[in-house]
Amino acid sequence: MPKSRSPSAESVGTTTVAVVERSSAADSKGTINLRIETRTRQLIDDAAAILGKTRTEFMVESARRQAIDVLLGQRLFVLDAHRYDAFMDALDNPPAPGPKLRSLLRRIPAWQK
């Protein structure tokens, strides 16, 4: 991700998110500033206190966990043994190309025209 010298901000409704990245490669941490409603902040504070964490620790761990879930949802899927075997068989033995695929592969791409 490219480093920026000035903070960038995005506003949506009542929430403003600003991400500040430091230009030095030696800095391993950045800053995220959030504007949130008082009730939401209190909810986060209450949950963090129950877990014995600071607001920052709670928010970073929660956001990190959610980010991992989103990324895994795009890359990881689980199959039972029968479906796994069928999936592997389909990968190992793809169907022969049909006429539409052959036609598509013979076309000159738009970026080469």
Protein backbone atom coordinates (compact mmCIF):
# COMPACT_ATOMS: atom_id res chain seq x y z
CA MET A 1 0.00 0.00 0.00
CA PRO A 2 1.50 3.35 -0.95
CA LYS A 3 2.34 5.68 1.89
CA SER A 4 0.73 9.09 1.94
CA ARG A 5 2.11 12.22 3.51
CA SER A 6 -1.20 13.71 4.49
CA PRO A 7 -4.14 12.04 6.18
CA SER A 8 -7.03 10.87 4.04
CA ALA A 9 -10.58 11.07 5.31
CA GLU A 10 -13.88 9.63 4.20
CA SER A 11 -17.26 10.68 5.60
CA VAL A 12 -20.36 8.52 5.52
CA GLY A 13 -23.42 9.73 7.44
CA THR A 14 -22.32 10.48 10.99
CA THR A 15 -19.07 8.52 10.78
CA THR A 16 -15.74 9.96 9.66
CA VAL A 17 -12.75 7.70 9.18
CA ALA A 18 -9.28 9.17 8.77
CA VAL A 19 -6.27 7.04 8.04
CA VAL A 20 -2.87 8.56 8.64
CA GLU A 21 0.17 6.72 7.34
CA ARG A 22 3.68 7.67 8.32
CA SER A 23 6.22 8.10 5.56
CA SER A 24 9.09 6.47 7.46
CA ALA A 25 9.63 2.78 6.74
CA ALA A 26 10.88 2.38 10.33
CA ASP A 27 7.42 3.14 11.76
CA SER A 28 5.48 -0.05 12.21
CA LYS A 29 2.23 1.52 13.42
CA GLY A 30 -0.27 3.91 11.91
CA THR A 31 -3.21 5.83 13.27
CA ILE A 32 -6.91 5.47 12.54
CA ASN A 33 -9.24 8.17 13.84
CA LEU A 34 -12.95 7.39 14.12
CA ARG A 35 -15.92 9.58 14.88
CA ILE A 36 -18.71 7.46 16.28
CA GLU A 37 -21.95 8.06 18.14
CA THR A 38 -21.74 8.22 21.91
CA ARG A 39 -23.91 5.13 22.40
CA THR A 40 -21.71 3.09 20.08
CA ARG A 41 -18.57 4.25 21.87
CA GLN A 42 -20.07 3.32 25.23
CA LEU A 43 -21.07 -0.10 23.90
CA ILE A 44 -17.50 -0.70 22.74
CA ASP A 45 -16.10 0.53 26.06
CA ASP A 46 -18.43 -1.75 28.03
CA ALA A 47 -17.49 -4.80 25.94
CA ALA A 48 -13.78 -3.98 26.21
CA ALA A 49 -14.05 -3.60 29.99
CA ILE A 50 -15.74 -6.99 30.33
CA LEU A 51 -12.79 -8.54 28.51
CA GLY A 52 -10.23 -6.51 30.47
CA LYS A 53 -9.02 -4.73 27.34
CA THR A 54 -8.57 -1.14 26.34
CA ARG A 55 -10.87 0.35 23.72
CA THR A 56 -8.00 0.30 21.23
CA GLU A 57 -7.13 -3.34 21.92
CA PHE A 58 -10.77 -4.35 21.62
CA MET A 59 -11.34 -2.43 18.38
CA VAL A 60 -8.12 -3.58 16.72
CA GLU A 61 -8.72 -7.23 17.62
CA SER A 62 -12.35 -7.05 16.49
CA ALA A 63 -11.51 -5.35 13.20
CA ARG A 64 -8.63 -7.74 12.55
CA ARG A 65 -10.82 -10.78 13.22
CA GLN A 66 -13.53 -9.43 10.90
CA ALA A 67 -10.97 -8.67 8.17
CA ILE A 68 -9.59 -12.20 8.37
CA ASP A 69 -13.11 -13.66 8.17
CA VAL A 70 -13.90 -11.56 5.10
CA LEU A 71 -10.69 -12.55 3.34
CA LEU A 72 -11.07 -16.22 4.22
CA GLY A 73 -14.65 -16.10 2.99
CA GLN A 74 -13.25 -15.20 -0.41
CA ARG A 75 -10.48 -17.83 -0.41
CA LEU A 76 -11.40 -20.75 1.82
CA PHE A 77 -14.21 -23.24 1.54
CA VAL A 78 -14.73 -26.53 3.31
CA LEU A 79 -16.05 -29.69 1.69
CA ASP A 80 -16.90 -33.10 3.06
CA ALA A 81 -14.84 -36.04 1.74
CA HIS A 82 -17.27 -36.92 -1.08
CA ARG A 83 -17.55 -33.35 -2.40
CA TYR A 84 -13.78 -32.86 -2.07
CA ASP A 85 -13.17 -35.93 -4.23
CA ALA A 86 -15.68 -34.68 -6.81
CA PHE A 87 -14.05 -31.23 -6.79
CA MET A 88 -10.56 -32.66 -7.25
CA ASP A 89 -11.83 -34.92 -10.04
CA ALA A 90 -13.35 -31.92 -11.82
CA LEU A 91 -10.03 -30.06 -11.54
CA ASP A 92 -8.04 -33.04 -12.77
CA ASN A 93 -10.45 -33.83 -15.63
CA PRO A 94 -11.92 -30.61 -17.00
CA PRO A 95 -14.54 -30.92 -19.74
CA ALA A 96 -13.44 -30.51 -23.34
CA PRO A 97 -13.77 -26.95 -24.62
CA GLY A 98 -17.08 -26.33 -26.31
CA PRO A 99 -17.72 -24.21 -29.40
CA LYS A 100 -18.34 -21.01 -27.41
CA LEU A 101 -15.03 -21.28 -25.57
CA ARG A 102 -13.14 -22.06 -28.80
CA SER A 103 -14.76 -19.02 -30.43
CA LEU A 104 -13.83 -16.82 -27.49
CA LEU A 105 -10.22 -17.96 -27.53
CA ARG A 106 -9.92 -17.24 -31.28
CA ARG A 107 -11.05 -13.62 -30.88
CA ILE A 108 -8.52 -10.82 -30.77
CA PRO A 109 -8.65 -9.13 -27.35
CA ALA A 110 -9.97 -5.55 -27.31
CA TRP A 111 -6.63 -4.24 -25.99
CA GLN A 112 -4.82 -5.63 -29.07
CA LYS A 113 -7.17 -4.08 -31.64
